Amino acid sequence: MFEKKSRYDQITKQSLDDMAAFLSWYFDCDRCPAKKENCADDCSFCMDAITEWLKQDGQL
């Protein structure tokens, strides 16, 4: 049998890249904390920007 894991457990066990992909799915450009001046509505760009944002110190 498989051990059941809460959503919180699953989210917090993700790698940095997986977390960036997960967050990019839920953020839209208007409320993205990683938004940059030259952002485009492109998933790969979003994941790169979110990965860099996750690595930085700061408030959530």
PDB file of N, CA and C in Angstrom:
ATOM      1  N   MET A   1       0.830  -1.188   0.000  1.00  0.00           N
ATOM      2  CA  MET A   1       0.000   0.000   0.000  1.00  0.00           C
ATOM      3  C   MET A   1       0.875   1.252   0.000  1.00  0.00           C
ATOM      4  N   PHE A   2       0.349   2.283  -0.591  1.00  0.00           N
ATOM      5  CA  PHE A   2       1.045   3.565  -0.641  1.00  0.00           C
ATOM      6  C   PHE A   2       0.695   4.393   0.589  1.00  0.00           C
ATOM      7  N   GLU A   3       1.684   5.078   1.106  1.00  0.00           N
ATOM      8  CA  GLU A   3       1.453   5.978   2.227  1.00  0.00           C
ATOM      9  C   GLU A   3       0.759   7.230   1.707  1.00  0.00           C
ATOM     10  N   LYS A   4      -0.321   7.611   2.352  1.00  0.00           N
ATOM     11  CA  LYS A   4      -1.020   8.825   1.958  1.00  0.00           C
ATOM     12  C   LYS A   4      -0.252  10.022   2.489  1.00  0.00           C
ATOM     13  N   LYS A   5      -0.144  11.053   1.669  1.00  0.00           N
ATOM     14  CA  LYS A   5       0.530  12.285   2.061  1.00  0.00           C
ATOM     15  C   LYS A   5      -0.424  13.445   1.861  1.00  0.00           C
ATOM     16  N   SER A   6      -0.403  14.350   2.809  1.00  0.00           N
ATOM     17  CA  SER A   6      -1.244  15.535   2.675  1.00  0.00           C
ATOM     18  C   SER A   6      -0.726  16.400   1.526  1.00  0.00           C
ATOM     19  N   ARG A   7      -1.530  17.300   1.072  1.00  0.00           N
ATOM     20  CA  ARG A   7      -1.101  18.229   0.020  1.00  0.00           C
ATOM     21  C   ARG A   7       0.099  19.040   0.506  1.00  0.00           C
ATOM     22  N   TYR A   8       0.050  19.466   1.764  1.00  0.00           N
ATOM     23  CA  TYR A   8       1.171  20.220   2.338  1.00  0.00           C
ATOM     24  C   TYR A   8       2.460  19.409   2.265  1.00  0.00           C
ATOM     25  N   ASP A   9       2.391  18.137   2.656  1.00  0.00           N
ATOM     26  CA  ASP A   9       3.578  17.280   2.598  1.00  0.00           C
ATOM     27  C   ASP A   9       4.118  17.163   1.176  1.00  0.00           C
ATOM     28  N   GLN A  10       3.219  17.007   0.237  1.00  0.00           N
ATOM     29  CA  GLN A  10       3.634  16.871  -1.158  1.00  0.00           C
ATOM     30  C   GLN A  10       4.276  18.152  -1.674  1.00  0.00           C
ATOM     31  N   ILE A  11       3.699  19.295  -1.309  1.00  0.00           N
ATOM     32  CA  ILE A  11       4.220  20.575  -1.776  1.00  0.00           C
ATOM     33  C   ILE A  11       5.591  20.858  -1.176  1.00  0.00           C
ATOM     34  N   THR A  12       5.741  20.635   0.113  1.00  0.00           N
ATOM     35  CA  THR A  12       6.992  20.988   0.782  1.00  0.00           C
ATOM     36  C   THR A  12       8.134  20.043   0.473  1.00  0.00           C
ATOM     37  N   LYS A  13       7.853  18.905  -0.108  1.00  0.00           N
ATOM     38  CA  LYS A  13       8.913  17.950  -0.450  1.00  0.00           C
ATOM     39  C   LYS A  13       9.426  18.119  -1.889  1.00  0.00           C
ATOM     40  N   GLN A  14       8.899  19.099  -2.603  1.00  0.00           N
ATOM     41  CA  GLN A  14       9.282  19.296  -3.999  1.00  0.00           C
ATOM     42  C   GLN A  14      10.682  19.895  -4.115  1.00  0.00           C
ATOM     43  N   SER A  15      11.328  19.591  -5.218  1.00  0.00           N
ATOM     44  CA  SER A  15      12.608  20.237  -5.530  1.00  0.00           C
ATOM     45  C   SER A  15      12.329  21.698  -5.913  1.00  0.00           C
ATOM     46  N   LEU A  16      13.379  22.480  -5.987  1.00  0.00           N
ATOM     47  CA  LEU A  16      13.233  23.891  -6.364  1.00  0.00           C
ATOM     48  C   LEU A  16      12.578  24.019  -7.742  1.00  0.00           C
ATOM     49  N   ASP A  17      13.038  23.240  -8.701  1.00  0.00           N
ATOM     50  CA  ASP A  17      12.467  23.300 -10.054  1.00  0.00           C
ATOM     51  C   ASP A  17      11.002  22.864 -10.070  1.00  0.00           C
ATOM     52  N   ASP A  18      10.693  21.810  -9.322  1.00  0.00           N
ATOM     53  CA  ASP A  18       9.302  21.353  -9.265  1.00  0.00           C
ATOM     54  C   ASP A  18       8.411  22.387  -8.583  1.00  0.00           C
ATOM     55  N   MET A  19       8.936  23.036  -7.542  1.00  0.00           N
ATOM     56  CA  MET A  19       8.170  24.073  -6.851  1.00  0.00           C
ATOM     57  C   MET A  19       7.903  25.253  -7.788  1.00  0.00           C
ATOM     58  N   ALA A  20       8.902  25.638  -8.570  1.00  0.00           N
ATOM     59  CA  ALA A  20       8.719  26.739  -9.525  1.00  0.00           C
ATOM     60  C   ALA A  20       7.648  26.381 -10.554  1.00  0.00           C
ATOM     61  N   ALA A  21       7.671  25.170 -11.052  1.00  0.00           N
ATOM     62  CA  ALA A  21       6.664  24.735 -12.021  1.00  0.00           C
ATOM     63  C   ALA A  21       5.277  24.721 -11.379  1.00  0.00           C
ATOM     64  N   PHE A  22       5.208  24.230 -10.162  1.00  0.00           N
ATOM     65  CA  PHE A  22       3.939  24.189  -9.423  1.00  0.00           C
ATOM     66  C   PHE A  22       3.372  25.591  -9.240  1.00  0.00           C
ATOM     67  N   LEU A  23       4.210  26.517  -8.777  1.00  0.00           N
ATOM     68  CA  LEU A  23       3.750  27.884  -8.545  1.00  0.00           C
ATOM     69  C   LEU A  23       3.385  28.590  -9.847  1.00  0.00           C
ATOM     70  N   SER A  24       4.120  28.337 -10.916  1.00  0.00           N
ATOM     71  CA  SER A  24       3.824  29.008 -12.186  1.00  0.00           C
ATOM     72  C   SER A  24       2.442  28.621 -12.700  1.00  0.00           C
ATOM     73  N   TRP A  25       1.978  27.462 -12.325  1.00  0.00           N
ATOM     74  CA  TRP A  25       0.649  27.014 -12.743  1.00  0.00           C
ATOM     75  C   TRP A  25      -0.438  27.842 -12.057  1.00  0.00           C
ATOM     76  N   TYR A  26      -0.174  28.312 -10.839  1.00  0.00           N
ATOM     77  CA  TYR A  26      -1.180  29.012 -10.044  1.00  0.00           C
ATOM     78  C   TYR A  26      -1.081  30.536 -10.094  1.00  0.00           C
ATOM     79  N   PHE A  27       0.052  31.070 -10.502  1.00  0.00           N
ATOM     80  CA  PHE A  27       0.202  32.516 -10.622  1.00  0.00           C
ATOM     81  C   PHE A  27      -0.214  32.950 -12.020  1.00  0.00           C
ATOM     82  N   ASP A  28      -0.856  34.105 -12.102  1.00  0.00           N
ATOM     83  CA  ASP A  28      -1.021  34.712 -13.411  1.00  0.00           C
ATOM     84  C   ASP A  28      -0.142  35.965 -13.427  1.00  0.00           C
ATOM     85  N   CYS A  29       0.080  36.532 -14.561  1.00  0.00           N
ATOM     86  CA  CYS A  29       1.025  37.645 -14.695  1.00  0.00           C
ATOM     87  C   CYS A  29       0.688  38.821 -13.784  1.00  0.00           C
ATOM     88  N   ASP A  30      -0.600  39.082 -13.570  1.00  0.00           N
ATOM     89  CA  ASP A  30      -0.999  40.236 -12.762  1.00  0.00           C
ATOM     90  C   ASP A  30      -0.604  40.115 -11.300  1.00  0.00           C
ATOM     91  N   ARG A  31      -0.533  38.913 -10.767  1.00  0.00           N
ATOM     92  CA  ARG A  31      -0.228  38.769  -9.343  1.00  0.00           C
ATOM     93  C   ARG A  31       1.028  37.945  -9.065  1.00  0.00           C
ATOM     94  N   CYS A  32       1.838  37.758 -10.061  1.00  0.00           N
ATOM     95  CA  CYS A  32       3.071  36.978  -9.907  1.00  0.00           C
ATOM     96  C   CYS A  32       4.106  37.776  -9.109  1.00  0.00           C
ATOM     97  N   PRO A  33       4.639  37.212  -8.022  1.00  0.00           N
ATOM     98  CA  PRO A  33       5.635  37.926  -7.231  1.00  0.00           C
ATOM     99  C   PRO A  33       6.991  38.012  -7.921  1.00  0.00           C
ATOM    100  N   ALA A  34       7.200  37.208  -8.945  1.00  0.00           N
ATOM    101  CA  ALA A  34       8.481  37.168  -9.655  1.00  0.00           C
ATOM    102  C   ALA A  34       8.470  37.984 -10.938  1.00  0.00           C
ATOM    103  N   LYS A  35       7.380  38.697 -11.194  1.00  0.00           N
ATOM    104  CA  LYS A  35       7.221  39.438 -12.446  1.00  0.00           C
ATOM    105  C   LYS A  35       8.371  40.415 -12.662  1.00  0.00           C
ATOM    106  N   LYS A  36       8.868  40.405 -13.868  1.00  0.00           N
ATOM    107  CA  LYS A  36       9.950  41.304 -14.255  1.00  0.00           C
ATOM    108  C   LYS A  36       9.444  42.230 -15.352  1.00  0.00           C
ATOM    109  N   GLU A  37      10.228  43.247 -15.616  1.00  0.00           N
ATOM    110  CA  GLU A  37       9.832  44.248 -16.598  1.00  0.00           C
ATOM    111  C   GLU A  37       9.592  43.646 -17.992  1.00  0.00           C
ATOM    112  N   ASN A  38      10.388  42.678 -18.359  1.00  0.00           N
ATOM    113  CA  ASN A  38      10.305  42.108 -19.710  1.00  0.00           C
ATOM    114  C   ASN A  38       9.584  40.757 -19.735  1.00  0.00           C
ATOM    115  N   CYS A  39       8.678  40.537 -18.795  1.00  0.00           N
ATOM    116  CA  CYS A  39       7.957  39.265 -18.732  1.00  0.00           C
ATOM    117  C   CYS A  39       7.080  39.054 -19.972  1.00  0.00           C
ATOM    118  N   ALA A  40       6.914  37.804 -20.277  1.00  0.00           N
ATOM    119  CA  ALA A  40       6.006  37.403 -21.347  1.00  0.00           C
ATOM    120  C   ALA A  40       5.170  36.253 -20.807  1.00  0.00           C
ATOM    121  N   ASP A  41       4.035  36.040 -21.381  1.00  0.00           N
ATOM    122  CA  ASP A  41       3.167  34.945 -20.941  1.00  0.00           C
ATOM    123  C   ASP A  41       3.693  33.649 -21.540  1.00  0.00           C
ATOM    124  N   ASP A  42       4.830  33.193 -21.018  1.00  0.00           N
ATOM    125  CA  ASP A  42       5.520  32.020 -21.533  1.00  0.00           C
ATOM    126  C   ASP A  42       5.919  31.161 -20.338  1.00  0.00           C
ATOM    127  N   CYS A  43       5.440  29.951 -20.283  1.00  0.00           N
ATOM    128  CA  CYS A  43       5.648  29.093 -19.106  1.00  0.00           C
ATOM    129  C   CYS A  43       7.113  28.910 -18.746  1.00  0.00           C
ATOM    130  N   SER A  44       7.977  28.712 -19.720  1.00  0.00           N
ATOM    131  CA  SER A  44       9.391  28.481 -19.393  1.00  0.00           C
ATOM    132  C   SER A  44      10.015  29.739 -18.791  1.00  0.00           C
ATOM    133  N   PHE A  45       9.653  30.895 -19.287  1.00  0.00           N
ATOM    134  CA  PHE A  45      10.171  32.145 -18.724  1.00  0.00           C
ATOM    135  C   PHE A  45       9.659  32.309 -17.295  1.00  0.00           C
ATOM    136  N   CYS A  46       8.394  32.018 -17.070  1.00  0.00           N
ATOM    137  CA  CYS A  46       7.806  32.125 -15.735  1.00  0.00           C
ATOM    138  C   CYS A  46       8.520  31.217 -14.751  1.00  0.00           C
ATOM    139  N   MET A  47       8.764  29.991 -15.134  1.00  0.00           N
ATOM    140  CA  MET A  47       9.431  29.054 -14.228  1.00  0.00           C
ATOM    141  C   MET A  47      10.837  29.528 -13.892  1.00  0.00           C
ATOM    142  N   ASP A  48      11.564  30.093 -14.851  1.00  0.00           N
ATOM    143  CA  ASP A  48      12.903  30.635 -14.582  1.00  0.00           C
ATOM    144  C   ASP A  48      12.824  31.814 -13.615  1.00  0.00           C
ATOM    145  N   ALA A  49      11.876  32.715 -13.834  1.00  0.00           N
ATOM    146  CA  ALA A  49      11.721  33.885 -12.969  1.00  0.00           C
ATOM    147  C   ALA A  49      11.313  33.466 -11.559  1.00  0.00           C
ATOM    148  N   ILE A  50      10.412  32.517 -11.442  1.00  0.00           N
ATOM    149  CA  ILE A  50       9.966  32.045 -10.128  1.00  0.00           C
ATOM    150  C   ILE A  50      11.092  31.312  -9.412  1.00  0.00           C
ATOM    151  N   THR A  51      11.888  30.543 -10.135  1.00  0.00           N
ATOM    152  CA  THR A  51      13.038  29.860  -9.521  1.00  0.00           C
ATOM    153  C   THR A  51      13.988  30.882  -8.924  1.00  0.00           C
ATOM    154  N   GLU A  52      14.284  31.933  -9.664  1.00  0.00           N
ATOM    155  CA  GLU A  52      15.172  32.983  -9.143  1.00  0.00           C
ATOM    156  C   GLU A  52      14.538  33.687  -7.946  1.00  0.00           C
ATOM    157  N   TRP A  53      13.234  33.944  -7.990  1.00  0.00           N
ATOM    158  CA  TRP A  53      12.519  34.576  -6.880  1.00  0.00           C
ATOM    159  C   TRP A  53      12.573  33.701  -5.630  1.00  0.00           C
ATOM    160  N   LEU A  54      12.399  32.396  -5.790  1.00  0.00           N
ATOM    161  CA  LEU A  54      12.452  31.482  -4.649  1.00  0.00           C
ATOM    162  C   LEU A  54      13.823  31.464  -3.980  1.00  0.00           C
ATOM    163  N   LYS A  55      14.868  31.678  -4.757  1.00  0.00           N
ATOM    164  CA  LYS A  55      16.237  31.649  -4.226  1.00  0.00           C
ATOM    165  C   LYS A  55      16.586  32.905  -3.434  1.00  0.00           C
ATOM    166  N   GLN A  56      15.833  33.979  -3.629  1.00  0.00           N
ATOM    167  CA  GLN A  56      16.146  35.256  -2.995  1.00  0.00           C
ATOM    168  C   GLN A  56      15.613  35.332  -1.581  1.00  0.00           C
ATOM    169  N   ASP A  57      16.292  36.111  -0.744  1.00  0.00           N
ATOM    170  CA  ASP A  57      15.787  36.424   0.584  1.00  0.00           C
ATOM    171  C   ASP A  57      14.637  37.415   0.437  1.00  0.00           C
ATOM    172  N   GLY A  58      13.724  37.396   1.364  1.00  0.00           N
ATOM    173  CA  GLY A  58      12.657  38.380   1.335  1.00  0.00           C
ATOM    174  C   GLY A  58      11.355  37.855   1.889  1.00  0.00           C
ATOM    175  N   GLN A  59      10.398  38.724   1.939  1.00  0.00           N
ATOM    176  CA  GLN A  59       9.060  38.389   2.426  1.00  0.00           C
ATOM    177  C   GLN A  59       8.292  37.640   1.352  1.00  0.00           C
ATOM    178  N   LEU A  60       7.323  36.862   1.788  1.00  0.00           N
ATOM    179  CA  LEU A  60       6.489  36.123   0.829  1.00  0.00           C
ATOM    180  C   LEU A  60       5.438  36.995   0.250  1.00  0.00           C
TER     181      LEU A  60
END
